[in-house]
Amino acid sequence: MNTSAKKHVVVGMSGGVDSSVAAYLLLQQGYYVSGVFMKNWEEDDTDTYCSATEDRKDAQAVCDKLGISLHTINFANEYWDNVFTHFLETLKTGQTPNPDILCNKEIKFKAFFDFAATLDADFIATGHYARTEQIDGHTVLKKAIDLNKDQTYFLHAVKEDKLARTLFPIGELTKPEVRQLAQKLGFINHAKKDSTGICFIGERKFKTFLANYLPAKPGDIINIQGQVIGRHEGVMYYTLGQRQGLGIGGLTQGDGNAWYVAQKDLSRNTLLAVQGRDNPLLYKKSLTATNIDWINTPEPSLPLHCTAKTRYRQADNLCILTREAQQYCVTFEDSQWAITPGQSVVFYQGDICLGGGVINV
């Protein structure tokens, strides 16, 4: 007997191809499926900057084709209070936060999860490239089959109790397979471009958008010798390892290589730029992290030999995780490029995601 029969799954429908195919696969597996479209942004929300209106139309078209209902829910207040405000406060400290991780924790696996409960849902589902598995009585988070699209990095702060009631239908498929299936099914969005970045920023320039919330404070860009080589528009607008948008691309010194942001000095309001991606100042072998979210409890015993990544799409790197007082220390086997405070370090044992935390330094 199909254990999925009569089980109600509420799918987060973004209007994209991934969540659309996820909904179709759940129907094929015998679930009772309904969709929810989440609107998370209203400030300066126009068709020019945010595609929410078009995305909802696409989600509705797919739901109509599949014969399932689509609910629309507005989480703009929750997003502002629990994600965007934190995003701004972190930027003010000179760090580079990752709002997508907090959005998953606070919106998709909290606000959306709670809303699904009002619909008497047995499970929620999303179009994330990830998998879950039952191991020794625990629900663990595993990497997707398509490692190029794996999104466990963004899901590391979601707890086991939520994952136990979450389905990731496309985790066993590759992105090309998802698009091919969508085309075969005649989905209007089968060739739709994947969304990138943050919806509320959309196609506009990042610095232009942030200037509405964080006043610009221009300062100097200096080189290793302390010489002023350019001007920046505000330290919080830049991230370590950044190459584009420095305005010094035509400046030739030394070997003539491209310039990268190596350090941000909030007290002096300066950026230190170095030449060449391989410059030693861009590499570190260790970091400290706080606010660790472990998916499963109890947390792993330390010291822990595992792998970790400090940014999305980065290869896993061997490391040792220890704890000192209130913070965790991560020592890598090999030096890592542009470790960035405010971003997340995420830990793995093989293809199992253990959790992660916010990088301090």
Protein backbone atom coordinates (compact mmCIF):
# COMPACT_ATOMS: atom_id res chain seq x y z
CA MET A 1 0.00 0.00 0.00
CA ASN A 2 1.24 3.50 -0.83
CA THR A 3 1.91 5.16 2.53
CA SER A 4 1.64 8.58 0.89
CA ALA A 5 -2.04 8.06 0.07
CA LYS A 6 -4.26 10.75 1.60
CA LYS A 7 -1.26 12.49 3.20
CA HIS A 8 -1.51 16.24 2.64
CA VAL A 9 1.62 18.04 1.42
CA VAL A 10 1.75 21.82 1.09
CA VAL A 11 4.36 22.89 -1.47
CA GLY A 12 6.06 26.26 -1.41
CA MET A 13 5.45 27.37 -5.01
CA SER A 14 7.89 30.08 -6.09
CA GLY A 15 6.83 30.23 -9.72
CA GLY A 16 10.10 28.57 -10.69
CA VAL A 17 10.67 25.25 -12.41
CA ASP A 18 12.03 23.44 -9.33
CA SER A 19 9.01 23.83 -7.05
CA SER A 20 6.71 23.16 -10.02
CA VAL A 21 8.30 19.80 -10.73
CA ALA A 22 8.34 19.06 -6.99
CA ALA A 23 4.56 19.47 -6.88
CA TYR A 24 4.12 17.17 -9.90
CA LEU A 25 6.32 14.45 -8.39
CA LEU A 26 4.35 14.51 -5.14
CA LEU A 27 1.09 14.02 -7.04
CA GLN A 28 2.66 11.08 -8.85
CA GLN A 29 3.62 9.60 -5.48
CA GLY A 30 -0.01 9.67 -4.35
CA TYR A 31 -0.03 12.66 -2.01
CA TYR A 32 -2.86 15.17 -1.73
CA VAL A 33 -1.05 18.35 -2.80
CA SER A 34 -1.77 22.06 -2.45
CA GLY A 35 0.48 25.02 -3.11
CA VAL A 36 1.41 28.20 -1.27
CA PHE A 37 2.96 31.27 -2.85
CA MET A 38 4.86 33.40 -0.33
CA LYS A 39 5.20 37.15 -0.77
CA ASN A 40 8.05 38.36 1.41
CA TRP A 41 8.70 41.92 0.27
CA GLU A 42 6.58 45.05 -0.13
CA GLU A 43 8.97 47.96 0.32
CA ASP A 44 9.68 49.53 -3.08
CA ASP A 45 7.98 46.53 -4.68
CA THR A 46 7.50 47.19 -8.39
CA ASP A 47 7.63 44.96 -11.44
CA THR A 48 10.90 46.65 -12.33
CA TYR A 49 12.68 45.38 -9.22
CA CYS A 50 10.80 42.36 -7.93
CA SER A 51 9.14 39.69 -10.07
CA ALA A 52 6.61 38.59 -7.43
CA THR A 53 3.57 39.36 -9.59
CA GLU A 54 4.94 37.44 -12.57
CA ASP A 55 6.16 34.62 -10.34
CA ARG A 56 2.70 34.20 -8.83
CA LYS A 57 1.17 34.03 -12.31
CA ASP A 58 3.59 31.25 -13.22
CA ALA A 59 2.84 29.40 -9.99
CA GLN A 60 -0.89 29.69 -10.64
CA ALA A 61 -0.51 28.44 -14.21
CA VAL A 62 1.34 25.34 -13.01
CA CYS A 63 -1.17 24.69 -10.21
CA ASP A 64 -4.03 25.02 -12.70
CA LYS A 65 -2.33 22.53 -14.99
CA LEU A 66 -1.83 20.09 -12.12
CA GLY A 67 -5.34 20.64 -10.76
CA ILE A 68 -4.23 21.77 -7.31
CA SER A 69 -5.16 24.86 -5.28
CA LEU A 70 -2.78 27.76 -4.70
CA HIS A 71 -2.88 29.88 -1.56
CA THR A 72 -1.10 33.25 -1.39
CA ILE A 73 0.27 34.37 1.95
CA ASN A 74 2.08 37.61 2.81
CA PHE A 75 5.09 37.22 5.10
CA ALA A 76 6.47 40.72 4.44
CA ASN A 77 6.23 41.73 8.11
CA GLU A 78 7.93 38.56 9.29
CA TYR A 79 10.62 38.98 6.66
CA TRP A 80 11.28 42.58 7.67
CA ASP A 81 11.40 41.82 11.40
CA ASN A 82 13.30 38.53 11.35
CA VAL A 83 15.48 38.66 8.24
CA PHE A 84 15.94 42.11 6.71
CA THR A 85 16.49 43.99 9.99
CA HIS A 86 19.17 41.47 10.97
CA PHE A 87 20.67 41.80 7.47
CA LEU A 88 21.06 45.57 7.91
CA GLU A 89 22.39 45.36 11.46
CA THR A 90 25.04 42.86 10.41
CA LEU A 91 26.11 45.00 7.45
CA LYS A 92 26.61 47.94 9.83
CA THR A 93 29.27 45.94 11.68
CA GLY A 94 31.26 45.51 8.48
CA GLN A 95 30.30 41.85 8.07
CA THR A 96 28.65 40.23 5.04
CA PRO A 97 25.48 38.36 6.10
CA ASN A 98 23.69 35.67 4.12
CA PRO A 99 19.94 36.48 4.26
CA ASP A 100 19.00 33.32 2.32
CA ILE A 101 20.02 31.16 5.28
CA LEU A 102 18.00 33.21 7.74
CA CYS A 103 15.05 33.27 5.32
CA ASN A 104 14.97 29.47 5.30
CA LYS A 105 15.14 29.32 9.09
CA GLU A 106 12.65 32.10 9.88
CA ILE A 107 10.28 32.14 6.89
CA LYS A 108 10.18 28.89 4.91
CA PHE A 109 10.69 26.57 7.88
CA LYS A 110 8.90 28.65 10.48
CA ALA A 111 6.24 31.06 9.17
CA PHE A 112 5.40 28.87 6.16
CA PHE A 113 5.61 25.74 8.29
CA ASP A 114 3.13 27.22 10.78
CA PHE A 115 0.78 28.34 7.99
CA ALA A 116 0.83 24.85 6.50
CA ALA A 117 -0.31 23.51 9.86
CA THR A 118 -3.47 25.65 9.60
CA LEU A 119 -4.20 23.79 6.36
CA ASP A 120 -3.91 20.45 8.23
CA ALA A 121 -0.75 19.55 6.31
CA ASP A 122 1.11 16.38 7.15
CA PHE A 123 4.23 17.67 5.37
CA ILE A 124 5.60 20.72 3.65
CA ALA A 125 7.72 20.48 0.51
CA THR A 126 10.06 22.82 -1.33
CA GLY A 127 12.03 22.86 -4.56
CA HIS A 128 15.38 22.75 -2.79
CA TYR A 129 18.08 20.46 -4.12
CA ALA A 130 18.56 18.40 -0.96
CA ARG A 131 17.53 15.04 0.53
CA THR A 132 16.59 13.63 3.91
CA GLU A 133 17.07 10.12 5.25
CA GLN A 134 16.20 8.22 8.40
CA ILE A 135 19.36 6.96 10.12
CA ASP A 136 19.33 5.42 13.62
CA GLY A 137 16.01 7.02 14.42
CA HIS A 138 17.06 10.49 13.25
CA THR A 139 16.14 12.53 10.19
CA VAL A 140 19.41 13.67 8.63
CA LEU A 141 19.96 16.22 5.87
CA LYS A 142 21.89 14.91 2.89
CA LYS A 143 23.35 16.52 -0.18
CA ALA A 144 21.39 16.38 -3.42
CA ILE A 145 22.30 14.01 -6.21
CA ASP A 146 23.17 17.04 -8.33
CA LEU A 147 26.16 18.33 -6.38
CA ASN A 148 26.42 21.34 -8.66
CA LYS A 149 22.98 22.49 -7.42
CA ASP A 150 23.10 21.12 -3.85
CA GLN A 151 21.51 23.62 -1.46
CA THR A 152 22.20 22.05 1.94
CA TYR A 153 24.53 24.99 2.65
CA PHE A 154 21.43 27.21 2.87
CA LEU A 155 19.47 24.66 4.92
CA HIS A 156 22.00 23.99 7.68
CA ALA A 157 20.08 26.06 10.27
CA VAL A 158 16.85 24.03 9.91
CA LYS A 159 16.31 21.69 12.86
CA GLU A 160 15.59 17.97 12.66
CA ASP A 161 11.99 18.29 13.86
CA LYS A 162 11.19 20.48 10.83
CA LEU A 163 13.13 18.32 8.40
CA ALA A 164 11.23 15.24 9.61
CA ARG A 165 8.07 16.82 8.17
CA THR A 166 9.67 18.20 5.01
CA LEU A 167 9.92 16.60 1.57
CA PHE A 168 12.50 17.51 -1.08
CA PRO A 169 11.10 15.77 -4.19
CA ILE A 170 13.77 16.92 -6.66
CA GLY A 171 16.73 16.00 -4.48
CA GLU A 172 17.20 12.80 -6.47
CA LEU A 173 17.21 14.62 -9.84
CA THR A 174 19.69 16.78 -11.70
CA LYS A 175 18.78 20.25 -12.87
CA PRO A 176 18.75 19.21 -16.57
CA GLU A 177 16.38 16.35 -15.67
CA VAL A 178 14.07 18.78 -13.85
CA ARG A 179 13.94 21.12 -16.86
CA GLN A 180 13.37 18.24 -19.28
CA LEU A 181 10.49 16.92 -17.19
CA ALA A 182 8.95 20.39 -16.95
CA GLN A 183 9.16 20.80 -20.72
CA LYS A 184 7.61 17.38 -21.27
CA LEU A 185 4.75 18.36 -18.94
CA GLY A 186 4.22 21.62 -20.79
CA PHE A 187 4.96 23.85 -17.81
CA ILE A 188 5.03 27.52 -18.77
CA ASN A 189 8.21 28.02 -16.73
CA HIS A 190 10.26 25.08 -18.04
CA ALA A 191 12.95 27.40 -19.46
CA LYS A 192 12.57 30.16 -16.86
CA LYS A 193 15.86 31.57 -15.66
CA ASP A 194 16.81 30.59 -12.13
CA SER A 195 16.40 33.39 -9.61
CA THR A 196 19.65 34.77 -8.26
CA GLY A 197 20.40 37.04 -5.35
CA ILE A 198 17.74 38.48 -3.08
CA CYS A 199 14.26 39.25 -4.39
CA PHE A 200 13.98 42.62 -2.70
CA ILE A 201 17.14 43.79 -4.46
CA GLY A 202 16.15 42.34 -7.82
CA GLU A 203 17.89 43.75 -10.87
CA ARG A 204 18.95 47.03 -9.29
CA LYS A 205 22.46 47.77 -8.10
CA PHE A 206 23.20 46.47 -4.62
CA LYS A 207 24.85 49.70 -3.41
CA THR A 208 22.05 51.88 -4.80
CA PHE A 209 19.46 49.79 -2.99
CA LEU A 210 21.29 49.70 0.34
CA ALA A 211 21.80 53.47 0.30
CA ASN A 212 18.07 53.75 1.05
CA TYR A 213 18.66 52.08 4.42
CA LEU A 214 22.36 52.56 5.22
CA PRO A 215 23.73 56.04 4.47
CA ALA A 216 26.87 55.94 2.35
CA LYS A 217 30.13 56.82 4.08
CA PRO A 218 32.84 57.09 1.40
CA GLY A 219 36.46 56.47 2.28
CA ASP A 220 39.85 55.47 0.94
CA ILE A 221 40.97 52.27 -0.77
CA ILE A 222 44.58 51.61 0.15
CA ASN A 223 47.26 49.14 -0.94
CA ILE A 224 49.62 47.11 1.22
CA GLN A 225 52.01 50.06 1.47
CA GLY A 226 49.23 52.23 2.86
CA GLN A 227 49.01 54.35 -0.28
CA VAL A 228 45.60 55.64 -1.30
CA ILE A 229 44.73 54.07 -4.67
CA GLY A 230 41.03 54.83 -4.91
CA ARG A 231 37.79 55.68 -3.13
CA HIS A 232 35.02 53.39 -1.89
CA GLU A 233 31.35 54.29 -1.39
CA GLY A 234 30.98 52.72 2.04
CA VAL A 235 32.75 49.78 3.70
CA MET A 236 29.48 47.88 4.26
CA TYR A 237 28.82 47.73 0.52
CA TYR A 238 31.85 45.48 -0.12
CA THR A 239 32.84 41.94 0.78
CA LEU A 240 36.17 40.16 1.14
CA GLY A 241 37.39 38.73 -2.14
CA GLN A 242 35.32 41.20 -4.15
CA ARG A 243 36.84 42.13 -7.50
CA GLN A 244 34.11 44.00 -9.37
CA GLY A 245 32.98 47.52 -8.54
CA LEU A 246 36.17 48.81 -6.92
CA GLY A 247 36.77 51.47 -9.56
CA ILE A 248 40.53 50.78 -9.68
CA GLY A 249 40.57 48.23 -12.49
CA GLY A 250 42.65 50.51 -14.69
CA LEU A 251 45.28 51.08 -12.00
CA THR A 252 48.44 49.13 -12.77
CA GLN A 253 50.97 48.40 -10.04
CA GLY A 254 53.49 45.60 -9.61
CA ASP A 255 52.51 42.56 -11.64
CA GLY A 256 49.42 44.25 -13.07
CA ASN A 257 46.98 41.62 -11.74
CA ALA A 258 43.36 42.39 -10.83
CA TRP A 259 42.56 44.00 -7.47
CA TYR A 260 40.64 42.24 -4.69
CA VAL A 261 39.29 43.41 -1.32
CA ALA A 262 41.48 41.79 1.35
CA GLN A 263 40.49 43.69 4.52
CA LYS A 264 37.79 46.06 5.75
CA ASP A 265 38.69 48.54 8.51
CA LEU A 266 35.51 50.01 9.96
CA SER A 267 37.33 52.24 12.47
CA ARG A 268 39.44 53.90 9.76
CA ASN A 269 36.73 53.52 7.10
CA THR A 270 39.20 52.00 4.65
CA LEU A 271 39.38 49.04 2.30
CA LEU A 272 42.66 47.25 1.75
CA ALA A 273 43.00 45.99 -1.83
CA VAL A 274 45.62 43.54 -3.05
CA GLN A 275 46.57 42.37 -6.52
CA GLY A 276 46.05 38.82 -7.70
CA ARG A 277 43.62 36.16 -6.54
CA ASP A 278 46.53 34.21 -5.06
CA ASN A 279 47.72 37.03 -2.80
CA PRO A 280 48.55 35.55 0.66
CA LEU A 281 46.37 38.15 2.42
CA LEU A 282 43.31 36.55 0.83
CA TYR A 283 44.01 33.15 2.44
CA LYS A 284 43.54 31.81 5.98
CA LYS A 285 43.77 28.34 7.52
CA SER A 286 41.47 28.94 10.48
CA LEU A 287 38.38 30.79 11.64
CA THR A 288 36.16 31.17 14.66
CA ALA A 289 32.38 30.84 14.56
CA THR A 290 29.43 31.47 16.86
CA ASN A 291 25.72 30.72 16.85
CA ILE A 292 26.24 27.16 15.68
CA ASP A 293 23.02 25.44 14.60
CA TRP A 294 23.31 21.66 14.78
CA ILE A 295 20.60 19.91 12.79
CA ASN A 296 20.51 16.87 15.03
CA THR A 297 20.89 16.55 18.77
CA PRO A 298 22.98 15.87 20.68
CA GLU A 299 25.68 17.89 18.96
CA PRO A 300 28.75 16.02 17.68
CA SER A 301 31.49 15.29 20.20
CA LEU A 302 34.58 17.45 19.84
CA PRO A 303 37.21 17.62 18.51
CA LEU A 304 35.45 16.70 15.27
CA HIS A 305 37.26 15.71 12.10
CA CYS A 306 34.96 16.58 9.21
CA THR A 307 34.74 18.72 6.09
CA ALA A 308 33.41 22.25 5.80
CA LYS A 309 32.74 25.00 3.32
CA THR A 310 32.74 28.74 3.96
CA ARG A 311 30.69 29.73 0.91
CA TYR A 312 28.13 28.20 -1.44
CA ARG A 313 29.49 26.21 -4.42
CA GLN A 314 32.81 25.79 -2.67
CA ALA A 315 34.36 22.33 -2.52
CA ASP A 316 34.30 20.56 0.85
CA ASN A 317 37.58 20.99 2.74
CA LEU A 318 39.04 18.81 5.49
CA CYS A 319 39.09 20.47 8.89
CA ILE A 320 39.14 19.97 12.65
CA LEU A 321 36.42 21.58 14.75
CA THR A 322 37.13 22.41 18.40
CA ARG A 323 35.49 24.63 21.01
CA GLU A 324 37.00 27.32 23.18
CA ALA A 325 34.75 29.08 25.69
CA GLN A 326 31.75 30.47 23.79
CA GLN A 327 33.07 30.02 20.27
CA TYR A 328 34.03 27.25 17.90
CA CYS A 329 37.42 27.08 16.18
CA VAL A 330 37.83 25.59 12.73
CA THR A 331 41.29 24.68 11.45
CA PHE A 332 41.52 23.66 7.80
CA GLU A 333 44.03 21.28 6.27
CA ASP A 334 44.54 23.73 3.41
CA SER A 335 44.31 27.52 3.38
CA GLN A 336 40.90 28.86 2.36
CA TRP A 337 40.25 31.81 0.07
CA ALA A 338 38.49 34.97 1.29
CA ILE A 339 36.96 33.66 4.53
CA THR A 340 34.32 36.30 5.19
CA PRO A 341 32.93 37.33 8.61
CA GLY A 342 29.12 37.23 8.59
CA GLN A 343 28.98 34.38 6.11
CA SER A 344 28.40 30.80 7.26
CA VAL A 345 30.71 27.87 7.76
CA VAL A 346 28.81 24.60 7.20
CA PHE A 347 29.99 21.17 8.34
CA TYR A 348 29.64 17.78 6.66
CA GLN A 349 30.38 14.11 7.31
CA GLY A 350 30.41 12.62 3.84
CA ASP A 351 27.14 13.71 2.21
CA ILE A 352 25.42 14.40 5.55
CA CYS A 353 25.08 18.06 6.58
CA LEU A 354 25.69 18.42 10.31
CA GLY A 355 24.93 22.12 10.71
CA GLY A 356 26.86 25.36 10.70
CA GLY A 357 27.39 28.77 12.19
CA VAL A 358 28.28 32.39 11.52
CA ILE A 359 31.92 33.20 10.82
CA ASN A 360 33.46 35.66 13.28
CA VAL A 361 36.97 36.07 11.96
